[in-house]
Protein backbone atom coordinates (compact mmCIF):
# COMPACT_ATOMS: atom_id res chain seq x y z
CA MET A 1 32.98 41.57 61.34
CA ILE A 2 29.98 40.28 58.98
CA ARG A 3 28.02 40.18 62.35
CA LEU A 4 28.68 43.91 63.01
CA MET A 5 27.88 44.90 59.38
CA ARG A 6 24.06 44.74 60.48
CA PHE A 7 24.46 48.21 61.56
CA LEU A 8 25.04 49.21 57.70
CA LYS A 9 21.53 47.87 57.14
CA PRO A 10 19.67 51.29 57.63
CA TYR A 11 22.04 52.74 54.74
CA TYR A 12 21.75 50.18 52.40
CA LEU A 13 20.53 52.73 49.71
CA GLU A 14 24.05 54.69 50.24
CA VAL A 15 25.87 51.47 49.94
CA ILE A 16 24.30 50.37 46.65
CA GLY A 17 24.77 53.75 45.39
CA VAL A 18 28.39 53.32 46.36
CA LEU A 19 28.58 50.13 44.45
CA PHE A 20 26.93 51.32 41.39
CA LEU A 21 29.02 54.32 41.18
CA THR A 22 32.26 52.54 41.91
CA LEU A 23 31.63 50.29 39.14
CA ILE A 24 30.73 53.24 36.63
CA GLY A 25 34.37 54.75 37.93
CA VAL A 26 36.01 51.30 37.05
CA PHE A 27 34.33 50.81 33.48
CA SER A 28 35.62 54.25 32.80
CA GLU A 29 39.15 53.41 33.65
CA LEU A 30 39.05 50.31 31.46
CA PHE A 31 37.89 51.94 28.50
CA LEU A 32 40.16 54.71 28.55
CA PRO A 33 43.39 52.72 27.58
CA ARG A 34 41.56 51.02 24.94
CA LEU A 35 40.56 54.43 23.45
CA MET A 36 44.05 55.66 23.72
CA GLY A 37 45.45 52.65 21.97
CA ASN A 38 43.05 53.29 19.39
CA ILE A 39 44.42 56.70 18.61
CA VAL A 40 48.05 55.33 18.45
CA ASP A 41 47.06 52.56 16.12
CA LYS A 42 44.38 54.05 13.70
CA GLY A 43 44.60 58.01 14.19
CA ILE A 44 48.25 58.97 14.54
CA SER A 45 49.65 56.01 12.31
CA THR A 46 47.15 57.00 9.55
CA GLY A 47 46.93 60.59 10.05
CA ASP A 48 43.11 60.54 10.47
CA THR A 49 42.88 63.98 12.67
CA VAL A 50 39.06 63.36 12.86
CA PHE A 51 39.24 60.21 14.43
CA ILE A 52 41.96 61.34 16.81
CA TYR A 53 39.43 64.41 17.96
CA ARG A 54 36.48 62.30 17.90
CA THR A 55 37.97 59.60 20.29
CA GLY A 56 39.72 62.40 22.32
CA LEU A 57 36.19 64.01 22.81
CA LEU A 58 34.46 60.44 23.88
CA MET A 59 37.72 60.05 26.26
CA LEU A 60 37.18 63.22 27.68
CA ILE A 61 33.39 62.49 28.40
CA ILE A 62 34.10 59.15 29.78
CA ALA A 63 36.81 60.70 32.15
CA VAL A 64 34.43 63.43 33.46
CA PHE A 65 31.78 60.96 34.05
CA GLY A 66 33.92 58.54 35.83
CA THR A 67 35.56 61.14 37.86
CA ALA A 68 32.20 62.32 39.03
CA ALA A 69 31.01 58.75 39.80
CA THR A 70 34.26 58.20 42.07
CA VAL A 71 33.94 61.38 43.85
CA TYR A 72 30.19 61.06 44.75
CA SER A 73 30.92 57.32 45.67
CA ARG A 74 33.45 58.38 47.95
CA TYR A 75 31.14 61.03 49.70
CA LEU A 76 28.45 58.55 50.21
CA SER A 77 31.01 55.97 51.49
CA ALA A 78 32.09 58.57 53.80
CA THR A 79 28.90 59.64 55.15
CA SER A 80 27.44 56.20 55.56
CA SER A 81 30.59 54.68 57.25
CA SER A 82 30.68 57.54 59.82
CA ALA A 83 26.94 56.95 60.52
CA TYR A 84 27.63 53.14 60.92
CA GLY A 85 30.44 54.18 63.30
CA ARG A 86 28.12 56.47 65.30
CA ASP A 87 25.31 53.74 65.39
CA LEU A 88 27.76 51.11 66.51
CA ARG A 89 29.35 53.43 69.25
CA SER A 90 25.83 53.97 70.24
CA ALA A 91 24.80 50.23 70.54
CA VAL A 92 27.95 49.38 72.45
CA PHE A 93 27.42 52.47 74.88
CA THR A 94 23.77 51.12 75.51
CA LYS A 95 24.62 48.00 75.99
CA VAL A 96 27.34 49.07 78.68
CA GLU A 97 24.94 51.41 80.36
CA ASN A 98 23.08 48.15 81.37
CA PHE A 99 25.90 46.46 82.58
CA SER A 100 25.81 45.44 86.39
CA LEU A 101 29.04 46.24 88.24
CA ASN A 102 29.97 42.53 87.79
CA GLU A 103 30.48 43.26 84.01
CA PHE A 104 32.53 45.95 84.62
CA ASP A 105 34.60 44.01 86.86
CA LYS A 106 35.06 41.52 84.31
CA MET A 107 36.28 43.84 81.62
CA GLY A 108 37.79 46.71 83.40
CA THR A 109 37.04 50.42 82.81
CA SER A 110 40.24 51.15 80.48
CA SER A 111 38.96 47.93 78.23
CA MET A 112 35.51 49.42 77.89
CA ILE A 113 36.92 52.81 76.55
CA THR A 114 39.34 51.39 74.21
CA ARG A 115 36.64 48.99 72.69
CA THR A 116 34.09 52.01 72.52
CA THR A 117 36.84 54.42 70.86
CA ASN A 118 39.69 52.78 69.13
CA ASP A 119 38.13 49.44 68.15
CA ILE A 120 35.15 51.06 66.88
CA ASN A 121 37.25 53.72 64.98
CA GLN A 122 39.16 50.68 63.31
CA MET A 123 35.61 49.13 62.19
CA GLN A 124 34.69 52.39 60.88
CA GLN A 125 38.06 52.69 58.93
CA VAL A 126 37.53 49.22 57.22
CA THR A 127 34.11 49.94 56.40
CA ILE A 128 34.80 53.10 54.45
CA MET A 129 37.86 51.18 52.81
CA SER A 130 35.79 48.10 52.14
CA MET A 131 33.01 50.31 50.27
CA ARG A 132 35.85 52.11 48.27
CA MET A 133 38.19 49.42 47.37
CA MET A 134 36.56 45.89 48.04
CA VAL A 135 34.37 46.26 44.83
CA ARG A 136 36.82 48.55 42.77
CA ALA A 137 39.78 46.20 43.35
CA PRO A 138 38.18 42.77 42.13
CA PHE A 139 36.33 44.67 39.26
CA MET A 140 39.68 46.45 38.41
CA LEU A 141 41.39 43.06 38.58
CA ILE A 142 38.88 41.09 36.54
CA GLY A 143 38.25 43.71 34.09
CA GLY A 144 41.85 44.72 33.77
CA LEU A 145 42.52 40.88 32.84
CA ILE A 146 39.83 40.70 30.24
CA MET A 147 40.75 43.89 28.55
CA ALA A 148 44.42 42.99 28.88
CA ILE A 149 43.77 39.49 27.16
CA THR A 150 41.74 40.77 24.26
CA THR A 151 44.21 43.31 23.50
CA ASN A 152 47.00 40.72 23.29
CA GLY A 153 46.69 37.25 24.49
CA GLU A 154 50.23 36.30 24.26
CA LEU A 155 51.62 39.39 26.08
CA SER A 156 49.31 38.26 29.20
CA LYS A 157 51.74 35.43 29.81
CA VAL A 158 53.71 37.79 31.54
CA LEU A 159 51.27 38.03 34.28
CA LEU A 160 51.37 34.52 34.94
CA ILE A 161 54.59 34.93 36.55
CA SER A 162 54.02 38.07 38.34
CA ALA A 163 50.40 37.67 39.77
CA PRO A 164 51.42 34.60 41.95
CA ILE A 165 54.37 36.55 43.36
CA LEU A 166 51.96 39.24 44.34
CA ILE A 167 49.50 37.07 45.86
CA GLY A 168 52.10 35.18 47.89
CA VAL A 169 53.63 38.68 49.37
CA ILE A 170 49.87 39.55 50.37
CA ALA A 171 49.04 36.09 51.98
CA LEU A 172 52.53 36.42 54.12
CA VAL A 173 51.59 39.81 55.27
CA GLY A 174 48.23 38.83 56.37
CA TYR A 175 49.43 35.40 57.89
CA LYS A 176 52.16 37.50 59.91
CA GLY A 177 50.21 40.70 60.78
CA PHE A 178 46.77 38.99 62.18
CA PRO A 179 48.20 37.90 65.68
CA LEU A 180 50.30 41.38 65.87
CA PHE A 181 47.28 43.54 65.42
CA LYS A 182 45.49 41.54 67.96
CA GLU A 183 48.44 42.37 70.51
CA ILE A 184 48.39 46.01 69.67
CA GLN A 185 44.68 46.31 70.64
CA ARG A 186 45.50 44.51 74.26
CA LYS A 187 48.44 46.69 74.71
CA ILE A 188 46.36 49.93 74.22
CA ASP A 189 44.16 48.56 76.93
CA GLY A 190 47.19 48.24 78.99
CA LEU A 191 48.49 51.71 78.15
CA ASN A 192 44.85 53.07 78.75
CA LYS A 193 44.67 51.49 82.25
CA VAL A 194 48.13 52.72 83.50
CA LEU A 195 47.56 56.18 82.08
CA ARG A 196 44.09 56.45 83.86
CA GLU A 197 45.56 55.15 87.12
CA GLU A 198 48.19 57.55 86.70
CA LEU A 199 45.94 60.75 86.06
CA THR A 200 43.43 60.08 88.44
CA GLY A 201 46.01 59.26 91.54
CA ILE A 202 48.45 62.06 90.58
CA ARG A 203 47.79 63.59 94.13
CA VAL A 204 49.03 60.31 95.79
CA ILE A 205 51.93 59.83 93.42
CA ARG A 206 53.16 63.17 94.28
CA ALA A 207 52.55 62.75 97.76
CA PHE A 208 54.57 59.81 97.98
CA ASN A 209 57.49 60.87 95.62
CA LYS A 210 56.50 58.03 93.05
CA THR A 211 56.60 60.01 90.09
CA SER A 212 59.53 58.33 88.79
CA TYR A 213 58.17 54.78 89.59
CA GLU A 214 55.04 55.70 87.48
CA GLU A 215 57.47 56.93 84.67
CA LYS A 216 58.74 53.70 84.51
CA ARG A 217 55.70 51.97 84.73
CA PHE A 218 54.17 54.04 82.03
CA ASN A 219 57.41 53.85 80.00
CA THR A 220 57.27 50.11 80.20
CA ALA A 221 53.61 49.92 78.83
CA ASN A 222 54.56 52.40 76.23
CA ARG A 223 57.46 50.57 75.00
CA SER A 224 55.51 47.38 74.60
CA LEU A 225 53.13 48.80 72.49
CA THR A 226 55.70 50.69 70.69
CA ASP A 227 57.83 47.42 70.11
CA THR A 228 54.60 45.71 68.70
CA ALA A 229 53.45 48.42 66.42
CA LEU A 230 57.17 48.89 65.06
CA LYS A 231 56.86 45.13 64.19
CA VAL A 232 53.87 45.99 62.09
CA ALA A 233 55.24 49.07 60.63
CA ARG A 234 58.43 47.03 59.56
CA LEU A 235 55.82 44.42 57.81
CA MET A 236 54.03 47.26 56.11
CA ALA A 237 57.20 48.92 55.11
CA LEU A 238 58.61 45.64 53.51
CA MET A 239 55.31 44.82 51.67
CA MET A 240 54.86 48.16 49.77
CA PRO A 241 58.41 48.03 48.35
CA LEU A 242 58.20 44.40 47.35
CA LEU A 243 54.76 45.11 45.75
CA SER A 244 56.30 48.20 43.82
CA LEU A 245 59.29 46.02 42.62
CA VAL A 246 57.17 43.22 41.37
CA LEU A 247 54.92 45.96 39.63
CA ASN A 248 58.04 47.53 38.14
CA PHE A 249 59.52 44.32 36.98
CA THR A 250 56.27 43.29 35.52
CA VAL A 251 56.15 46.55 33.23
CA ILE A 252 59.87 45.79 32.28
CA GLY A 253 58.80 42.26 31.29
CA VAL A 254 55.76 43.55 29.31
CA ILE A 255 57.82 46.36 27.30
CA TRP A 256 60.68 43.76 26.66
CA TYR A 257 57.92 40.91 25.50
CA GLY A 258 56.08 43.58 23.73
CA SER A 259 59.11 44.94 21.76
CA ILE A 260 59.74 41.33 20.54
CA LEU A 261 56.13 41.01 19.28
CA ILE A 262 56.07 44.33 17.66
CA SER A 263 59.31 43.53 15.65
CA GLY A 264 57.32 40.39 14.46
CA PHE A 265 54.57 42.47 13.42
CA ASN A 266 52.08 40.52 16.04
CA LEU A 267 51.72 43.63 18.08
CA GLU A 268 50.98 47.54 17.47
CA VAL A 269 52.66 50.22 19.38
CA GLY A 270 48.97 51.62 20.63
CA SER A 271 48.25 48.03 21.79
CA LEU A 272 51.30 47.85 23.90
CA MET A 273 50.91 51.23 25.38
CA ALA A 274 47.14 50.16 26.30
CA PHE A 275 48.55 46.66 27.64
CA ILE A 276 50.94 48.51 29.95
CA GLN A 277 48.14 50.61 31.60
CA TYR A 278 46.02 47.56 31.97
CA VAL A 279 48.98 45.68 33.64
CA SER A 280 49.40 48.96 35.99
CA GLN A 281 45.59 48.73 36.97
CA ILE A 282 46.07 44.93 37.39
CA MET A 283 49.05 45.41 39.91
CA PHE A 284 47.42 48.33 41.54
CA SER A 285 44.10 46.33 42.03
CA LEU A 286 46.19 43.74 43.91
CA ILE A 287 47.94 46.25 46.00
CA MET A 288 44.24 47.46 46.95
CA VAL A 289 43.73 44.12 47.90
CA SER A 290 46.73 43.78 49.95
CA MET A 291 45.68 47.14 51.50
CA ILE A 292 42.30 45.43 52.49
CA PHE A 293 43.88 42.18 53.71
CA VAL A 294 46.15 44.50 55.99
CA ALA A 295 43.23 46.23 57.24
CA ILE A 296 41.04 43.21 57.97
CA PRO A 297 43.10 41.39 60.57
CA ARG A 298 43.30 44.41 62.82
CA ALA A 299 39.53 45.21 62.44
CA SER A 300 38.80 41.70 62.79
CA ALA A 301 40.42 41.70 66.34
CA SER A 302 38.71 44.92 67.06
CA ALA A 303 35.39 43.23 65.65
CA GLY A 304 35.90 40.32 68.26
CA ARG A 305 36.35 42.61 71.12
CA ILE A 306 33.28 44.62 70.31
CA ASN A 307 31.32 41.66 69.87
CA GLU A 308 32.34 40.56 73.47
CA VAL A 309 30.77 43.70 74.76
CA LEU A 310 27.35 43.26 72.69
CA ASP A 311 27.29 39.37 73.54
CA LEU A 312 27.86 39.78 77.27
CA GLU A 313 24.57 39.37 79.13
CA THR A 314 24.07 41.07 82.09
CA GLU A 315 23.53 38.86 85.26
CA ILE A 316 21.10 41.49 86.28
CA ILE A 317 17.88 40.91 84.77
CA ASP A 318 15.67 43.99 84.61
CA GLY A 319 12.15 43.34 86.16
CA LYS A 320 8.62 43.99 84.48
CA GLU A 321 6.64 45.43 87.47
CA TYR A 322 6.10 48.79 88.90
CA ALA A 323 6.04 49.33 92.59
CA SER A 324 3.13 49.39 94.72
CA THR A 325 1.59 52.41 96.29
CA LYS A 326 -0.09 50.85 99.23
CA ILE A 327 3.01 50.98 101.29
CA LYS A 328 5.66 53.83 101.30
CA GLY A 329 9.42 54.10 102.20
CA GLU A 330 9.58 50.64 103.69
CA LEU A 331 12.53 48.36 102.89
CA GLU A 332 13.32 44.94 104.34
CA PHE A 333 16.32 42.41 104.17
CA LYS A 334 15.11 38.61 104.48
CA ASP A 335 18.32 36.37 105.10
CA VAL A 336 20.31 38.32 102.64
CA SER A 337 23.94 36.85 101.32
CA PHE A 338 26.26 37.99 98.77
CA ASN A 339 29.38 36.68 97.21
CA TYR A 340 31.58 38.65 95.23
CA GLN A 341 33.09 36.72 91.96
CA GLY A 342 36.07 34.91 92.99
CA ALA A 343 35.81 35.45 96.66
CA GLU A 344 36.03 32.55 99.01
CA THR A 345 33.93 33.91 101.62
CA PRO A 346 30.48 36.01 101.60
CA ALA A 347 30.80 39.71 101.80
CA VAL A 348 27.82 39.87 103.62
CA CYS A 349 25.71 36.70 105.22
CA ASP A 350 22.37 36.12 106.65
CA ILE A 351 21.42 39.80 106.75
CA SER A 352 17.95 40.55 108.12
CA PHE A 353 16.68 43.88 108.99
CA LYS A 354 13.83 46.26 108.04
CA THR A 355 13.22 50.25 108.16
CA LYS A 356 9.99 51.91 107.80
CA LEU A 357 8.79 55.41 106.76
CA GLY A 358 9.89 58.01 109.21
CA GLU A 359 12.75 56.02 110.43
CA THR A 360 16.44 56.08 110.29
CA THR A 361 18.37 52.92 110.17
CA ALA A 362 22.28 53.36 110.61
CA ILE A 363 24.88 50.67 109.83
CA ILE A 364 28.35 50.96 111.49
CA GLY A 365 31.19 48.46 111.52
CA GLY A 366 34.85 48.15 110.46
CA THR A 367 36.55 48.29 106.96
CA GLY A 368 35.68 45.67 104.81
CA SER A 369 32.32 44.66 106.98
CA GLY A 370 30.08 44.67 104.19
CA LYS A 371 28.44 48.08 104.83
CA THR A 372 28.50 49.85 101.43
CA THR A 373 27.88 46.11 99.69
CA LEU A 374 24.60 46.46 101.43
CA LEU A 375 23.86 49.65 99.89
CA ASN A 376 24.97 48.27 96.07
CA LEU A 377 22.47 45.23 96.77
CA ILE A 378 19.78 47.64 97.48
CA MET A 379 20.25 49.64 94.42
CA ARG A 380 20.76 46.36 92.50
CA PHE A 381 24.25 47.12 91.35
CA TYR A 382 24.82 43.57 92.15
CA ASP A 383 22.39 40.75 92.77
CA ILE A 384 22.10 38.84 95.98
CA SER A 385 23.24 35.53 96.14
CA ASN A 386 20.49 34.03 98.55
CA GLY A 387 17.37 35.77 100.65
CA GLU A 388 15.19 38.64 99.45
CA ILE A 389 15.25 42.38 99.48
CA LEU A 390 11.77 43.98 99.95
CA LEU A 391 10.72 47.67 98.73
CA ASN A 392 7.33 48.13 100.08
CA GLY A 393 6.56 44.59 100.09
CA GLN A 394 7.76 43.82 96.70
CA ASN A 395 10.89 41.90 95.94
CA ILE A 396 13.21 44.31 94.34
CA ARG A 397 14.22 41.90 91.22
CA ASP A 398 10.56 41.90 90.20
CA LEU A 399 10.75 45.79 89.62
CA LYS A 400 12.05 47.76 86.71
CA HIS A 401 15.33 49.46 87.03
CA GLU A 402 14.24 52.62 86.77
CA GLU A 403 11.11 52.11 89.00
CA LEU A 404 13.24 50.79 91.59
CA ARG A 405 15.90 53.69 91.79
CA ARG A 406 13.57 56.25 91.33
CA HIS A 407 12.51 55.49 95.20
CA PHE A 408 15.99 56.18 96.38
CA GLY A 409 18.53 59.35 96.88
CA LEU A 410 22.13 57.67 96.75
CA VAL A 411 24.90 59.73 98.02
CA SER A 412 27.78 57.59 97.35
CA GLN A 413 31.07 57.00 99.38
CA LYS A 414 33.21 58.95 96.92
CA PRO A 415 31.14 62.16 95.93
CA LEU A 416 31.22 62.47 92.15
CA LEU A 417 30.22 65.56 90.34
CA PHE A 418 30.22 66.64 86.84
CA THR A 419 31.36 69.41 84.79
CA GLY A 420 28.96 72.00 84.63
CA THR A 421 27.36 74.55 86.89
CA ILE A 422 26.17 73.84 90.47
CA ARG A 423 22.37 73.95 89.04
CA ASP A 424 23.20 71.39 86.63
CA ASN A 425 24.81 68.76 89.25
CA VAL A 426 22.00 69.48 91.46
CA LYS A 427 19.17 68.92 88.91
CA PHE A 428 20.98 65.71 88.15
CA GLY A 429 19.01 64.56 90.75
CA ASN A 430 15.52 65.84 89.50
CA ASP A 431 15.42 67.44 86.00
CA GLU A 432 12.05 69.31 87.02
CA ALA A 433 13.45 71.12 90.18
CA THR A 434 12.95 74.98 90.34
CA ASP A 435 15.56 77.26 91.34
CA ASP A 436 13.63 77.44 94.76
CA GLU A 437 13.70 73.96 95.39
CA ILE A 438 17.40 73.76 94.56
CA VAL A 439 18.23 76.60 96.83
CA ASN A 440 16.20 74.91 99.52
CA ALA A 441 18.20 71.66 99.00
CA LEU A 442 21.27 73.41 99.41
CA LYS A 443 20.43 75.24 102.45
CA ILE A 444 19.45 71.86 104.02
CA ALA A 445 22.59 70.27 102.90
CA GLN A 446 24.67 73.31 104.70
CA ILE A 447 26.32 74.65 101.43
CA TYR A 448 24.01 77.65 100.39
CA ASP A 449 26.34 79.94 101.96
CA PHE A 450 29.23 79.12 99.85
CA VAL A 451 26.98 79.25 96.61
CA LYS A 452 25.77 82.61 97.85
CA GLU A 453 29.29 84.06 98.01
CA LYS A 454 30.00 82.99 94.33
CA GLU A 455 29.15 85.86 91.91
CA GLU A 456 27.87 83.47 89.47
CA GLY A 457 25.45 82.00 92.07
CA LEU A 458 23.87 78.70 91.04
CA ASP A 459 25.76 79.26 87.61
CA TYR A 460 29.10 78.61 89.28
CA VAL A 461 30.83 76.34 87.07
CA LEU A 462 32.47 73.06 88.68
CA SER A 463 35.51 71.63 86.78
CA GLN A 464 35.62 68.02 86.05
CA GLY A 465 35.21 65.89 89.18
CA GLY A 466 34.18 69.12 90.93
CA LYS A 467 38.26 69.46 91.32
CA ASN A 468 37.50 73.30 92.34
CA LEU A 469 35.57 72.44 95.59
CA SER A 470 36.96 71.13 98.67
CA GLY A 471 36.11 67.27 99.91
CA GLY A 472 33.32 68.57 102.25
CA GLN A 473 31.86 70.80 99.64
CA LYS A 474 31.44 68.20 97.18
CA GLN A 475 29.79 65.90 99.82
CA ARG A 476 27.51 68.54 100.90
CA LEU A 477 26.42 69.12 97.07
CA SER A 478 25.98 65.54 96.39
CA ILE A 479 23.72 65.44 99.54
CA ALA A 480 21.90 68.48 97.98
CA ARG A 481 21.70 66.40 94.73
CA ALA A 482 19.96 63.57 96.56
CA LEU A 483 17.45 66.02 98.58
CA VAL A 484 16.29 67.57 95.47
CA ARG A 485 15.28 64.36 94.26
CA LYS A 486 12.60 63.78 97.13
CA PRO A 487 12.87 60.05 97.30
CA GLU A 488 11.08 57.86 99.74
CA ILE A 489 14.24 56.27 100.89
CA TYR A 490 17.83 58.22 101.49
CA LEU A 491 20.85 56.23 101.43
CA PHE A 492 23.85 57.88 102.94
CA ASP A 493 27.03 55.85 102.46
CA ASP A 494 29.51 57.52 104.58
CA SER A 495 28.45 60.87 103.21
CA PHE A 496 29.35 63.02 106.16
CA SER A 497 32.87 61.73 106.90
CA ALA A 498 34.35 65.17 105.53
CA LEU A 499 32.21 67.40 107.31
CA ASP A 500 33.35 69.01 110.55
CA PHE A 501 31.34 68.04 113.74
CA LYS A 502 29.26 71.42 113.69
CA THR A 503 28.35 71.11 109.95
CA ASP A 504 27.72 67.39 110.47
CA ARG A 505 25.38 68.03 113.62
CA MET A 506 23.37 71.03 111.63
CA LEU A 507 23.05 68.86 108.64
CA ARG A 508 21.69 66.08 110.78
CA ASP A 509 19.09 68.49 112.64
CA ASN A 510 17.75 69.60 109.16
CA LEU A 511 17.56 65.76 107.87
CA ARG A 512 15.39 65.26 110.73
CA GLU A 513 12.72 67.76 109.53
CA ILE A 514 12.41 65.84 106.33
CA LYS A 515 12.47 62.34 107.74
CA LYS A 516 8.59 62.32 108.66
CA ASP A 517 7.98 61.94 104.53
CA SER A 518 10.93 59.22 104.05
CA SER A 519 13.15 56.73 105.41
CA MET A 520 17.11 56.72 105.82
CA ILE A 521 19.78 54.33 105.80
CA ILE A 522 22.90 55.77 106.87
CA ILE A 523 26.64 54.14 106.64
CA ALA A 524 28.83 56.15 109.00
CA GLN A 525 32.15 55.56 110.59
CA ARG A 526 31.25 58.28 113.32
CA VAL A 527 29.36 57.08 116.49
CA SER A 528 28.12 60.56 116.81
CA THR A 529 26.44 60.55 113.41
CA ILE A 530 24.36 57.59 113.97
CA LYS A 531 23.78 57.11 117.81
CA ASP A 532 20.18 58.98 117.73
CA ALA A 533 19.23 56.52 114.93
CA ASP A 534 16.07 54.44 115.30
CA ASN A 535 17.76 51.21 114.59
CA ILE A 536 21.67 50.53 114.58
CA ILE A 537 23.10 47.84 112.74
CA VAL A 538 26.62 46.57 113.73
CA LEU A 539 28.51 44.75 111.10
CA ASP A 540 31.40 42.74 111.47
CA GLU A 541 33.10 40.44 108.85
CA GLY A 542 29.65 40.50 106.90
CA ASN A 543 27.57 39.10 109.86
CA ILE A 544 25.08 41.19 111.92
CA VAL A 545 26.61 41.30 115.25
CA GLY A 546 24.32 43.71 117.04
CA GLN A 547 21.03 45.27 116.30
CA GLY A 548 18.97 48.00 118.16
CA ARG A 549 19.18 51.53 119.82
CA HIS A 550 22.42 52.89 120.84
CA ASN A 551 22.09 52.33 124.65
CA ASP A 552 20.88 48.86 123.90
CA LEU A 553 23.73 47.96 122.06
CA MET A 554 26.24 49.52 124.44
CA LYS A 555 24.73 46.54 126.88
CA SER A 556 24.25 43.80 124.41
CA SER A 557 27.19 44.41 121.58
CA ASP A 558 30.98 44.09 122.58
CA VAL A 559 31.90 45.22 119.08
CA TYR A 560 29.61 48.10 119.18
CA ARG A 561 30.85 49.25 122.64
CA GLU A 562 34.56 48.98 121.47
CA ILE A 563 33.67 51.19 118.43
CA VAL A 564 32.20 53.65 120.89
CA LEU A 565 34.83 53.60 123.25
CA SER A 566 37.64 54.11 120.71
CA GLN A 567 35.78 57.29 119.64
CA LEU A 568 34.14 58.75 122.63
CA GLY A 569 36.57 57.31 125.34
CA GLU A 570 34.94 56.13 128.72
CA GLU A 571 32.81 59.14 129.06
CA ALA A 572 30.53 57.58 126.75
CA LEU A 573 29.79 54.98 129.29
CA ILE A 574 28.43 57.76 131.80
């Protein structure tokens, strides 16, 4: 938690202001009981009306200043803690943005979301509580003790009994509560994970009549979180009555012992009234301390989880160079191998091929053969284990991430669209694209007719994830997003699977027209999609088992020939 407090540094003036104003409020509260006691002992008992009015006016002035200081300190604490939460959230998000897919695999998406929202909210709450109470409580406690002792030292002996009991209750709650707060955060992660899977997979769940099963799964995670939260709630519910009980018995003890002292003329009534208020202030300050001790363990657990994100270094180090302009659109794999974390065998092994400007390289193979892995390595979502990947003659590890990725137009296997208009989604590929360029990209991608039919045109609003589009429409819109980028190299990861054969053919014909200014790497399951490629790479269990043109592979590669025969039949051999 102390490490995360560095994010409060820009707001040190506000923090100092909170501390100063809090002290003013504390001192005003400490002086008021003494003045009230003086009114009773020196004013009312002697009938000195002038003294009563003069002291009462002084009390009113102190109360106004104290209240104003307290209100303004709360305003400053609220604004500075909100800004602290904003900066911390921004720092975590920026860190996460730079993670490779390895780091996401380690922590999990649901945990990342919880850490960025719930955990940071916990830190923000404990920060505002600390500024309001962490200074107020100790000063109120120490000041109250001093004022109580100076009011009557003999009566202060009552506190020697009650204070240790209060401290013991607070320590017990902190000891029992800390592991429970950690457990709550872990179970929130688990609940978010289940909820996220159920919401994103609702179609599959309903299609297989697994609604009841998923309800049980959610209820199990929900009940587990609820049970832990109830344990904490019971602990808190037990603590407050205990503290109130100790406070009330302390006041009873003060009144009883004070009456004895008054009978012996060792204490005046006004002093007893002031002492009772000081005791209440001391007890309430200890209750504030207990609230802080309750909040700190939970925030400490959250702080540890946030620090895990901030301390996690990405395995992919950003390069420092810019791409050379001597060569354009050339990509080369040299003996590239890659292992996923925890995998026993490489996902791809000893991959070597080269594609040049104006060429189309196609990659085909069975499920799990490593096709998509190659594109992930090109974009440096993962880093290769061995070998080299060269872009225009330069090792991609030496290039800045932004510099590397601006050369590519990626259409992923699962098309992802964002909430917003069609224009916004296509301009995601190129912020400076004009409407004419967007329309041209839509025409090449064979989706302009759909856009033209809509009354809003380019301003037609897509729902989250493009749920108001069909699978083929989402694919074509994703292709348009890559086309408007006008990159050197297009990467199509099985991006034509949802298209009918006619649309597929028309789209590939249009892509040939733009191929002269770029190169293409196409991953596909359909042989018809890739049979005209300049170079076809056949993958099997992460290894290249064939490479060349369609006709050559039909003669030299058994794996490729089996794929072709399974799709096109015996006619393919003719």
